Amino acid sequence: MTVPVVLINLFSVPQGKEEEFAKMWTEALEFIKNEPGFIDANLHRSLDPNAQFQFINVAHWENQESWHSAFAKLQPQELTKQVPFEQIPALYEVAVHFQRE
């Protein structure tokens, strides 16, 4: 059984580069949006202009293998070229789920 995973990627973007970053992120999404196992992605922007990480990408994948397979096709240099900002990506699975009734 495969377990859905969530990619959470934190981005440190210098002030004044926010629009440039959002454009690059959208262009980079074109590389992965049709990969098998990709479900969706949302780019979140901090309401605090002084936050360490101005943007957070939250993407859902059908499983860890799909994510690894998609990104194995890209060389690390290619990813850096697409979005050349400091980033900290990691995969997560749901540990506890709560839903208001």
PDB file of N, CA and C in Angstrom:
ATOM      1  N   MET A   1       0.838  -1.197   0.000  1.00  0.00           N
ATOM      2  CA  MET A   1       0.000   0.000   0.000  1.00  0.00           C
ATOM      3  C   MET A   1       0.873   1.247   0.000  1.00  0.00           C
ATOM      4  N   THR A   2       0.560   2.176  -0.868  1.00  0.00           N
ATOM      5  CA  THR A   2       1.313   3.423  -0.908  1.00  0.00           C
ATOM      6  C   THR A   2       0.609   4.468  -0.053  1.00  0.00           C
ATOM      7  N   VAL A   3       1.414   5.317   0.543  1.00  0.00           N
ATOM      8  CA  VAL A   3       0.898   6.340   1.446  1.00  0.00           C
ATOM      9  C   VAL A   3       1.104   7.714   0.803  1.00  0.00           C
ATOM     10  N   PRO A   4       0.032   8.517   0.701  1.00  0.00           N
ATOM     11  CA  PRO A   4       0.204   9.876   0.171  1.00  0.00           C
ATOM     12  C   PRO A   4       1.198  10.668   1.023  1.00  0.00           C
ATOM     13  N   VAL A   5       1.955  11.541   0.365  1.00  0.00           N
ATOM     14  CA  VAL A   5       2.933  12.363   1.070  1.00  0.00           C
ATOM     15  C   VAL A   5       2.717  13.834   0.731  1.00  0.00           C
ATOM     16  N   VAL A   6       3.230  14.672   1.613  1.00  0.00           N
ATOM     17  CA  VAL A   6       3.155  16.119   1.422  1.00  0.00           C
ATOM     18  C   VAL A   6       4.583  16.650   1.333  1.00  0.00           C
ATOM     19  N   LEU A   7       4.867  17.366   0.273  1.00  0.00           N
ATOM     20  CA  LEU A   7       6.139  18.063   0.142  1.00  0.00           C
ATOM     21  C   LEU A   7       5.944  19.447   0.733  1.00  0.00           C
ATOM     22  N   ILE A   8       6.771  19.797   1.700  1.00  0.00           N
ATOM     23  CA  ILE A   8       6.771  21.149   2.250  1.00  0.00           C
ATOM     24  C   ILE A   8       8.152  21.728   1.973  1.00  0.00           C
ATOM     25  N   ASN A   9       8.179  22.815   1.229  1.00  0.00           N
ATOM     26  CA  ASN A   9       9.434  23.419   0.816  1.00  0.00           C
ATOM     27  C   ASN A   9       9.432  24.885   1.241  1.00  0.00           C
ATOM     28  N   LEU A  10      10.363  25.242   2.121  1.00  0.00           N
ATOM     29  CA  LEU A  10      10.488  26.609   2.620  1.00  0.00           C
ATOM     30  C   LEU A  10      11.443  27.390   1.722  1.00  0.00           C
ATOM     31  N   PHE A  11      11.095  28.619   1.399  1.00  0.00           N
ATOM     32  CA  PHE A  11      11.940  29.449   0.539  1.00  0.00           C
ATOM     33  C   PHE A  11      12.281  30.759   1.233  1.00  0.00           C
ATOM     34  N   SER A  12      13.561  31.088   1.230  1.00  0.00           N
ATOM     35  CA  SER A  12      14.034  32.370   1.727  1.00  0.00           C
ATOM     36  C   SER A  12      14.240  33.274   0.512  1.00  0.00           C
ATOM     37  N   VAL A  13      13.431  34.303   0.416  1.00  0.00           N
ATOM     38  CA  VAL A  13      13.446  35.182  -0.754  1.00  0.00           C
ATOM     39  C   VAL A  13      13.738  36.600  -0.292  1.00  0.00           C
ATOM     40  N   PRO A  14      14.780  37.228  -0.823  1.00  0.00           N
ATOM     41  CA  PRO A  14      15.102  38.607  -0.420  1.00  0.00           C
ATOM     42  C   PRO A  14      13.961  39.571  -0.760  1.00  0.00           C
ATOM     43  N   GLN A  15      13.784  40.573   0.086  1.00  0.00           N
ATOM     44  CA  GLN A  15      12.761  41.584  -0.173  1.00  0.00           C
ATOM     45  C   GLN A  15      13.023  42.215  -1.536  1.00  0.00           C
ATOM     46  N   GLY A  16      11.949  42.465  -2.244  1.00  0.00           N
ATOM     47  CA  GLY A  16      12.061  43.026  -3.583  1.00  0.00           C
ATOM     48  C   GLY A  16      12.128  41.976  -4.681  1.00  0.00           C
ATOM     49  N   LYS A  17      12.293  40.709  -4.310  1.00  0.00           N
ATOM     50  CA  LYS A  17      12.393  39.621  -5.290  1.00  0.00           C
ATOM     51  C   LYS A  17      11.153  38.726  -5.274  1.00  0.00           C
ATOM     52  N   GLU A  18      10.123  39.129  -4.535  1.00  0.00           N
ATOM     53  CA  GLU A  18       8.947  38.276  -4.355  1.00  0.00           C
ATOM     54  C   GLU A  18       8.231  37.957  -5.678  1.00  0.00           C
ATOM     55  N   GLU A  19       7.994  38.949  -6.497  1.00  0.00           N
ATOM     56  CA  GLU A  19       7.298  38.711  -7.770  1.00  0.00           C
ATOM     57  C   GLU A  19       8.145  37.856  -8.697  1.00  0.00           C
ATOM     58  N   GLU A  20       9.442  38.113  -8.734  1.00  0.00           N
ATOM     59  CA  GLU A  20      10.353  37.311  -9.554  1.00  0.00           C
ATOM     60  C   GLU A  20      10.308  35.848  -9.091  1.00  0.00           C
ATOM     61  N   PHE A  21      10.346  35.640  -7.772  1.00  0.00           N
ATOM     62  CA  PHE A  21      10.298  34.288  -7.236  1.00  0.00           C
ATOM     63  C   PHE A  21       9.000  33.581  -7.615  1.00  0.00           C
ATOM     64  N   ALA A  22       7.854  34.247  -7.412  1.00  0.00           N
ATOM     65  CA  ALA A  22       6.556  33.630  -7.716  1.00  0.00           C
ATOM     66  C   ALA A  22       6.467  33.241  -9.186  1.00  0.00           C
ATOM     67  N   LYS A  23       7.004  34.063 -10.061  1.00  0.00           N
ATOM     68  CA  LYS A  23       7.019  33.744 -11.495  1.00  0.00           C
ATOM     69  C   LYS A  23       7.888  32.517 -11.753  1.00  0.00           C
ATOM     70  N   MET A  24       9.063  32.465 -11.153  1.00  0.00           N
ATOM     71  CA  MET A  24       9.959  31.315 -11.337  1.00  0.00           C
ATOM     72  C   MET A  24       9.332  30.034 -10.800  1.00  0.00           C
ATOM     73  N   TRP A  25       8.670  30.143  -9.638  1.00  0.00           N
ATOM     74  CA  TRP A  25       8.026  28.966  -9.042  1.00  0.00           C
ATOM     75  C   TRP A  25       6.945  28.433  -9.985  1.00  0.00           C
ATOM     76  N   THR A  26       6.154  29.333 -10.544  1.00  0.00           N
ATOM     77  CA  THR A  26       5.097  28.935 -11.467  1.00  0.00           C
ATOM     78  C   THR A  26       5.684  28.266 -12.708  1.00  0.00           C
ATOM     79  N   GLU A  27       6.779  28.801 -13.218  1.00  0.00           N
ATOM     80  CA  GLU A  27       7.440  28.197 -14.384  1.00  0.00           C
ATOM     81  C   GLU A  27       8.018  26.826 -14.037  1.00  0.00           C
ATOM     82  N   ALA A  28       8.588  26.688 -12.852  1.00  0.00           N
ATOM     83  CA  ALA A  28       9.151  25.401 -12.432  1.00  0.00           C
ATOM     84  C   ALA A  28       8.052  24.359 -12.270  1.00  0.00           C
ATOM     85  N   LEU A  29       6.875  24.794 -11.861  1.00  0.00           N
ATOM     86  CA  LEU A  29       5.747  23.878 -11.709  1.00  0.00           C
ATOM     87  C   LEU A  29       5.409  23.188 -13.026  1.00  0.00           C
ATOM     88  N   GLU A  30       5.655  23.870 -14.133  1.00  0.00           N
ATOM     89  CA  GLU A  30       5.402  23.283 -15.456  1.00  0.00           C
ATOM     90  C   GLU A  30       6.202  21.989 -15.654  1.00  0.00           C
ATOM     91  N   PHE A  31       7.361  21.868 -15.010  1.00  0.00           N
ATOM     92  CA  PHE A  31       8.201  20.685 -15.153  1.00  0.00           C
ATOM     93  C   PHE A  31       7.599  19.463 -14.468  1.00  0.00           C
ATOM     94  N   ILE A  32       6.805  19.681 -13.426  1.00  0.00           N
ATOM     95  CA  ILE A  32       6.349  18.534 -12.638  1.00  0.00           C
ATOM     96  C   ILE A  32       4.848  18.297 -12.644  1.00  0.00           C
ATOM     97  N   LYS A  33       4.064  19.244 -13.096  1.00  0.00           N
ATOM     98  CA  LYS A  33       2.615  19.126 -12.936  1.00  0.00           C
ATOM     99  C   LYS A  33       2.007  17.934 -13.663  1.00  0.00           C
ATOM    100  N   ASN A  34       2.659  17.422 -14.675  1.00  0.00           N
ATOM    101  CA  ASN A  34       2.129  16.274 -15.404  1.00  0.00           C
ATOM    102  C   ASN A  34       2.833  14.965 -15.048  1.00  0.00           C
ATOM    103  N   GLU A  35       3.682  14.999 -14.027  1.00  0.00           N
ATOM    104  CA  GLU A  35       4.379  13.783 -13.618  1.00  0.00           C
ATOM    105  C   GLU A  35       3.408  12.819 -12.931  1.00  0.00           C
ATOM    106  N   PRO A  36       3.577  11.521 -13.161  1.00  0.00           N
ATOM    107  CA  PRO A  36       2.726  10.538 -12.486  1.00  0.00           C
ATOM    108  C   PRO A  36       2.835  10.686 -10.967  1.00  0.00           C
ATOM    109  N   GLY A  37       1.710  10.701 -10.303  1.00  0.00           N
ATOM    110  CA  GLY A  37       1.691  10.788  -8.844  1.00  0.00           C
ATOM    111  C   GLY A  37       1.532  12.194  -8.298  1.00  0.00           C
ATOM    112  N   PHE A  38       1.739  13.209  -9.138  1.00  0.00           N
ATOM    113  CA  PHE A  38       1.559  14.593  -8.680  1.00  0.00           C
ATOM    114  C   PHE A  38       0.072  14.864  -8.521  1.00  0.00           C
ATOM    115  N   ILE A  39      -0.322  15.466  -7.393  1.00  0.00           N
ATOM    116  CA  ILE A  39      -1.729  15.766  -7.149  1.00  0.00           C
ATOM    117  C   ILE A  39      -1.990  17.265  -7.274  1.00  0.00           C
ATOM    118  N   ASP A  40      -1.315  18.063  -6.446  1.00  0.00           N
ATOM    119  CA  ASP A  40      -1.516  19.507  -6.497  1.00  0.00           C
ATOM    120  C   ASP A  40      -0.397  20.211  -5.763  1.00  0.00           C
ATOM    121  N   ALA A  41      -0.370  21.546  -5.894  1.00  0.00           N
ATOM    122  CA  ALA A  41       0.627  22.359  -5.193  1.00  0.00           C
ATOM    123  C   ALA A  41       0.054  23.745  -4.953  1.00  0.00           C
ATOM    124  N   ASN A  42       0.416  24.308  -3.822  1.00  0.00           N
ATOM    125  CA  ASN A  42       0.028  25.669  -3.475  1.00  0.00           C
ATOM    126  C   ASN A  42       1.246  26.403  -2.939  1.00  0.00           C
ATOM    127  N   LEU A  43       1.403  27.630  -3.379  1.00  0.00           N
ATOM    128  CA  LEU A  43       2.485  28.472  -2.878  1.00  0.00           C
ATOM    129  C   LEU A  43       1.878  29.455  -1.890  1.00  0.00           C
ATOM    130  N   HIS A  44       2.383  29.430  -0.666  1.00  0.00           N
ATOM    131  CA  HIS A  44       1.887  30.309   0.397  1.00  0.00           C
ATOM    132  C   HIS A  44       2.904  31.416   0.641  1.00  0.00           C
ATOM    133  N   ARG A  45       2.399  32.618   0.884  1.00  0.00           N
ATOM    134  CA  ARG A  45       3.273  33.769   1.168  1.00  0.00           C
ATOM    135  C   ARG A  45       3.017  34.246   2.587  1.00  0.00           C
ATOM    136  N   SER A  46       4.088  34.523   3.314  1.00  0.00           N
ATOM    137  CA  SER A  46       3.985  34.997   4.688  1.00  0.00           C
ATOM    138  C   SER A  46       3.339  36.380   4.736  1.00  0.00           C
ATOM    139  N   LEU A  47       2.531  36.592   5.746  1.00  0.00           N
ATOM    140  CA  LEU A  47       1.948  37.907   5.974  1.00  0.00           C
ATOM    141  C   LEU A  47       2.936  38.837   6.683  1.00  0.00           C
ATOM    142  N   ASP A  48       4.007  38.251   7.224  1.00  0.00           N
ATOM    143  CA  ASP A  48       5.040  39.020   7.917  1.00  0.00           C
ATOM    144  C   ASP A  48       6.181  39.289   6.934  1.00  0.00           C
ATOM    145  N   PRO A  49       6.392  40.540   6.523  1.00  0.00           N
ATOM    146  CA  PRO A  49       7.445  40.831   5.542  1.00  0.00           C
ATOM    147  C   PRO A  49       8.852  40.539   6.063  1.00  0.00           C
ATOM    148  N   ASN A  50       8.997  40.344   7.365  1.00  0.00           N
ATOM    149  CA  ASN A  50      10.313  40.053   7.935  1.00  0.00           C
ATOM    150  C   ASN A  50      10.496  38.577   8.275  1.00  0.00           C
ATOM    151  N   ALA A  51       9.580  37.734   7.845  1.00  0.00           N
ATOM    152  CA  ALA A  51       9.692  36.298   8.127  1.00  0.00           C
ATOM    153  C   ALA A  51      10.951  35.730   7.477  1.00  0.00           C
ATOM    154  N   GLN A  52      11.566  34.764   8.129  1.00  0.00           N
ATOM    155  CA  GLN A  52      12.772  34.132   7.577  1.00  0.00           C
ATOM    156  C   GLN A  52      12.464  33.456   6.247  1.00  0.00           C
ATOM    157  N   PHE A  53      11.301  32.797   6.173  1.00  0.00           N
ATOM    158  CA  PHE A  53      10.887  32.137   4.947  1.00  0.00           C
ATOM    159  C   PHE A  53       9.638  32.839   4.427  1.00  0.00           C
ATOM    160  N   GLN A  54       9.803  33.582   3.362  1.00  0.00           N
ATOM    161  CA  GLN A  54       8.707  34.369   2.801  1.00  0.00           C
ATOM    162  C   GLN A  54       7.673  33.502   2.095  1.00  0.00           C
ATOM    163  N   PHE A  55       8.110  32.366   1.566  1.00  0.00           N
ATOM    164  CA  PHE A  55       7.208  31.495   0.815  1.00  0.00           C
ATOM    165  C   PHE A  55       7.342  30.055   1.284  1.00  0.00           C
ATOM    166  N   ILE A  56       6.223  29.344   1.249  1.00  0.00           N
ATOM    167  CA  ILE A  56       6.206  27.916   1.546  1.00  0.00           C
ATOM    168  C   ILE A  56       5.367  27.236   0.481  1.00  0.00           C
ATOM    169  N   ASN A  57       5.975  26.243  -0.149  1.00  0.00           N
ATOM    170  CA  ASN A  57       5.277  25.421  -1.133  1.00  0.00           C
ATOM    171  C   ASN A  57       4.745  24.184  -0.415  1.00  0.00           C
ATOM    172  N   VAL A  58       3.461  23.900  -0.592  1.00  0.00           N
ATOM    173  CA  VAL A  58       2.864  22.677  -0.050  1.00  0.00           C
ATOM    174  C   VAL A  58       2.299  21.913  -1.245  1.00  0.00           C
ATOM    175  N   ALA A  59       2.865  20.755  -1.522  1.00  0.00           N
ATOM    176  CA  ALA A  59       2.443  19.941  -2.661  1.00  0.00           C
ATOM    177  C   ALA A  59       2.082  18.542  -2.185  1.00  0.00           C
ATOM    178  N   HIS A  60       1.094  17.963  -2.824  1.00  0.00           N
ATOM    179  CA  HIS A  60       0.656  16.609  -2.486  1.00  0.00           C
ATOM    180  C   HIS A  60       1.041  15.649  -3.603  1.00  0.00           C
ATOM    181  N   TRP A  61       1.575  14.509  -3.194  1.00  0.00           N
ATOM    182  CA  TRP A  61       1.972  13.447  -4.121  1.00  0.00           C
ATOM    183  C   TRP A  61       1.317  12.148  -3.676  1.00  0.00           C
ATOM    184  N   GLU A  62       1.023  11.289  -4.637  1.00  0.00           N
ATOM    185  CA  GLU A  62       0.381  10.015  -4.323  1.00  0.00           C
ATOM    186  C   GLU A  62       1.234   9.158  -3.396  1.00  0.00           C
ATOM    187  N   ASN A  63       2.564   9.261  -3.554  1.00  0.00           N
ATOM    188  CA  ASN A  63       3.466   8.484  -2.700  1.00  0.00           C
ATOM    189  C   ASN A  63       4.889   9.012  -2.837  1.00  0.00           C
ATOM    190  N   GLN A  64       5.732   8.576  -1.963  1.00  0.00           N
ATOM    191  CA  GLN A  64       7.133   9.018  -1.930  1.00  0.00           C
ATOM    192  C   GLN A  64       7.868   8.612  -3.210  1.00  0.00           C
ATOM    193  N   GLU A  65       7.570   7.433  -3.720  1.00  0.00           N
ATOM    194  CA  GLU A  65       8.237   6.947  -4.924  1.00  0.00           C
ATOM    195  C   GLU A  65       7.955   7.845  -6.127  1.00  0.00           C
ATOM    196  N   SER A  66       6.712   8.317  -6.248  1.00  0.00           N
ATOM    197  CA  SER A  66       6.358   9.216  -7.354  1.00  0.00           C
ATOM    198  C   SER A  66       7.162  10.508  -7.284  1.00  0.00           C
ATOM    199  N   TRP A  67       7.272  11.054  -6.069  1.00  0.00           N
ATOM    200  CA  TRP A  67       8.041  12.296  -5.909  1.00  0.00           C
ATOM    201  C   TRP A  67       9.502  12.074  -6.279  1.00  0.00           C
ATOM    202  N   HIS A  68      10.088  11.002  -5.752  1.00  0.00           N
ATOM    203  CA  HIS A  68      11.501  10.720  -6.058  1.00  0.00           C
ATOM    204  C   HIS A  68      11.706  10.493  -7.549  1.00  0.00           C
ATOM    205  N   SER A  69      10.802   9.774  -8.177  1.00  0.00           N
ATOM    206  CA  SER A  69      10.912   9.503  -9.604  1.00  0.00           C
ATOM    207  C   SER A  69      10.851  10.791 -10.418  1.00  0.00           C
ATOM    208  N   ALA A  70       9.933  11.667 -10.083  1.00  0.00           N
ATOM    209  CA  ALA A  70       9.792  12.933 -10.808  1.00  0.00           C
ATOM    210  C   ALA A  70      11.046  13.789 -10.694  1.00  0.00           C
ATOM    211  N   PHE A  71      11.599  13.883  -9.498  1.00  0.00           N
ATOM    212  CA  PHE A  71      12.753  14.751  -9.303  1.00  0.00           C
ATOM    213  C   PHE A  71      14.075  14.097  -9.684  1.00  0.00           C
ATOM    214  N   ALA A  72      14.077  12.771  -9.835  1.00  0.00           N
ATOM    215  CA  ALA A  72      15.281  12.092 -10.307  1.00  0.00           C
ATOM    216  C   ALA A  72      15.549  12.431 -11.770  1.00  0.00           C
ATOM    217  N   LYS A  73      14.501  12.804 -12.485  1.00  0.00           N
ATOM    218  CA  LYS A  73      14.645  13.169 -13.898  1.00  0.00           C
ATOM    219  C   LYS A  73      15.373  14.503 -14.063  1.00  0.00           C
ATOM    220  N   LEU A  74      15.288  15.344 -13.032  1.00  0.00           N
ATOM    221  CA  LEU A  74      15.929  16.662 -13.084  1.00  0.00           C
ATOM    222  C   LEU A  74      17.261  16.625 -12.348  1.00  0.00           C
ATOM    223  N   GLN A  75      18.246  17.214 -12.923  1.00  0.00           N
ATOM    224  CA  GLN A  75      19.529  17.348 -12.260  1.00  0.00           C
ATOM    225  C   GLN A  75      19.426  18.451 -11.212  1.00  0.00           C
ATOM    226  N   PRO A  76      20.148  18.337 -10.083  1.00  0.00           N
ATOM    227  CA  PRO A  76      20.087  19.401  -9.065  1.00  0.00           C
ATOM    228  C   PRO A  76      20.388  20.789  -9.629  1.00  0.00           C
ATOM    229  N   GLN A  77      21.302  20.863 -10.584  1.00  0.00           N
ATOM    230  CA  GLN A  77      21.624  22.164 -11.178  1.00  0.00           C
ATOM    231  C   GLN A  77      20.416  22.730 -11.919  1.00  0.00           C
ATOM    232  N   GLU A  78      19.609  21.848 -12.536  1.00  0.00           N
ATOM    233  CA  GLU A  78      18.424  22.287 -13.265  1.00  0.00           C
ATOM    234  C   GLU A  78      17.405  22.883 -12.305  1.00  0.00           C
ATOM    235  N   LEU A  79      17.225  22.251 -11.148  1.00  0.00           N
ATOM    236  CA  LEU A  79      16.297  22.780 -10.146  1.00  0.00           C
ATOM    237  C   LEU A  79      16.757  24.135  -9.647  1.00  0.00           C
ATOM    238  N   THR A  80      18.035  24.257  -9.364  1.00  0.00           N
ATOM    239  CA  THR A  80      18.588  25.522  -8.877  1.00  0.00           C
ATOM    240  C   THR A  80      18.445  26.617  -9.930  1.00  0.00           C
ATOM    241  N   LYS A  81      18.603  26.243 -11.181  1.00  0.00           N
ATOM    242  CA  LYS A  81      18.448  27.212 -12.258  1.00  0.00           C
ATOM    243  C   LYS A  81      16.991  27.668 -12.357  1.00  0.00           C
ATOM    244  N   GLN A  82      16.043  26.761 -12.135  1.00  0.00           N
ATOM    245  CA  GLN A  82      14.634  27.109 -12.224  1.00  0.00           C
ATOM    246  C   GLN A  82      14.202  28.039 -11.094  1.00  0.00           C
ATOM    247  N   VAL A  83      14.633  27.753  -9.874  1.00  0.00           N
ATOM    248  CA  VAL A  83      14.264  28.578  -8.717  1.00  0.00           C
ATOM    249  C   VAL A  83      15.525  28.788  -7.869  1.00  0.00           C
ATOM    250  N   PRO A  84      16.344  29.800  -8.233  1.00  0.00           N
ATOM    251  CA  PRO A  84      17.643  29.990  -7.583  1.00  0.00           C
ATOM    252  C   PRO A  84      17.577  30.756  -6.253  1.00  0.00           C
ATOM    253  N   PHE A  85      16.750  30.279  -5.346  1.00  0.00           N
ATOM    254  CA  PHE A  85      16.619  30.885  -4.028  1.00  0.00           C
ATOM    255  C   PHE A  85      16.856  29.788  -2.992  1.00  0.00           C
ATOM    256  N   GLU A  86      17.313  30.186  -1.807  1.00  0.00           N
ATOM    257  CA  GLU A  86      17.525  29.210  -0.735  1.00  0.00           C
ATOM    258  C   GLU A  86      16.220  28.486  -0.455  1.00  0.00           C
ATOM    259  N   GLN A  87      16.297  27.149  -0.397  1.00  0.00           N
ATOM    260  CA  GLN A  87      15.108  26.370  -0.120  1.00  0.00           C
ATOM    261  C   GLN A  87      15.426  25.163   0.756  1.00  0.00           C
ATOM    262  N   ILE A  88      14.417  24.738   1.498  1.00  0.00           N
ATOM    263  CA  ILE A  88      14.563  23.589   2.398  1.00  0.00           C
ATOM    264  C   ILE A  88      13.363  22.665   2.155  1.00  0.00           C
ATOM    265  N   PRO A  89      13.515  21.687   1.242  1.00  0.00           N
ATOM    266  CA  PRO A  89      12.407  20.774   0.970  1.00  0.00           C
ATOM    267  C   PRO A  89      12.445  19.534   1.862  1.00  0.00           C
ATOM    268  N   ALA A  90      11.269  19.001   2.186  1.00  0.00           N
ATOM    269  CA  ALA A  90      11.173  17.745   2.933  1.00  0.00           C
ATOM    270  C   ALA A  90       9.806  17.120   2.674  1.00  0.00           C
ATOM    271  N   LEU A  91       9.763  15.795   2.697  1.00  0.00           N
ATOM    272  CA  LEU A  91       8.504  15.063   2.536  1.00  0.00           C
ATOM    273  C   LEU A  91       7.948  14.702   3.904  1.00  0.00           C
ATOM    274  N   TYR A  92       6.621  14.761   4.024  1.00  0.00           N
ATOM    275  CA  TYR A  92       5.944  14.443   5.280  1.00  0.00           C
ATOM    276  C   TYR A  92       4.753  13.546   4.996  1.00  0.00           C
ATOM    277  N   GLU A  93       4.349  12.807   6.033  1.00  0.00           N
ATOM    278  CA  GLU A  93       3.096  12.076   5.982  1.00  0.00           C
ATOM    279  C   GLU A  93       2.248  12.539   7.158  1.00  0.00           C
ATOM    280  N   VAL A  94       0.947  12.370   7.036  1.00  0.00           N
ATOM    281  CA  VAL A  94       0.050  12.800   8.110  1.00  0.00           C
ATOM    282  C   VAL A  94       0.278  11.938   9.330  1.00  0.00           C
ATOM    283  N   ALA A  95       0.543  12.556  10.468  1.00  0.00           N
ATOM    284  CA  ALA A  95       0.728  11.841  11.732  1.00  0.00           C
ATOM    285  C   ALA A  95      -0.570  11.813  12.523  1.00  0.00           C
ATOM    286  N   VAL A  96      -1.269  12.934  12.519  1.00  0.00           N
ATOM    287  CA  VAL A  96      -2.547  13.045  13.224  1.00  0.00           C
ATOM    288  C   VAL A  96      -3.465  13.894  12.345  1.00  0.00           C
ATOM    289  N   HIS A  97      -4.668  13.430  12.125  1.00  0.00           N
ATOM    290  CA  HIS A  97      -5.620  14.175  11.316  1.00  0.00           C
ATOM    291  C   HIS A  97      -6.776  14.625  12.199  1.00  0.00           C
ATOM    292  N   PHE A  98      -7.150  15.879  12.066  1.00  0.00           N
ATOM    293  CA  PHE A  98      -8.290  16.412  12.796  1.00  0.00           C
ATOM    294  C   PHE A  98      -9.176  17.140  11.810  1.00  0.00           C
ATOM    295  N   GLN A  99     -10.458  16.923  11.908  1.00  0.00           N
ATOM    296  CA  GLN A  99     -11.411  17.636  11.088  1.00  0.00           C
ATOM    297  C   GLN A  99     -12.595  18.040  11.953  1.00  0.00           C
ATOM    298  N   ARG A 100     -12.942  19.300  11.882  1.00  0.00           N
ATOM    299  CA  ARG A 100     -14.082  19.784  12.656  1.00  0.00           C
ATOM    300  C   ARG A 100     -15.350  19.136  12.122  1.00  0.00           C
ATOM    301  N   GLU A 101     -16.180  18.693  13.032  1.00  0.00           N
ATOM    302  CA  GLU A 101     -17.425  18.021  12.619  1.00  0.00           C
ATOM    303  C   GLU A 101     -18.537  19.006  12.414  1.00  0.00           C
TER     304      GLU A 101
END
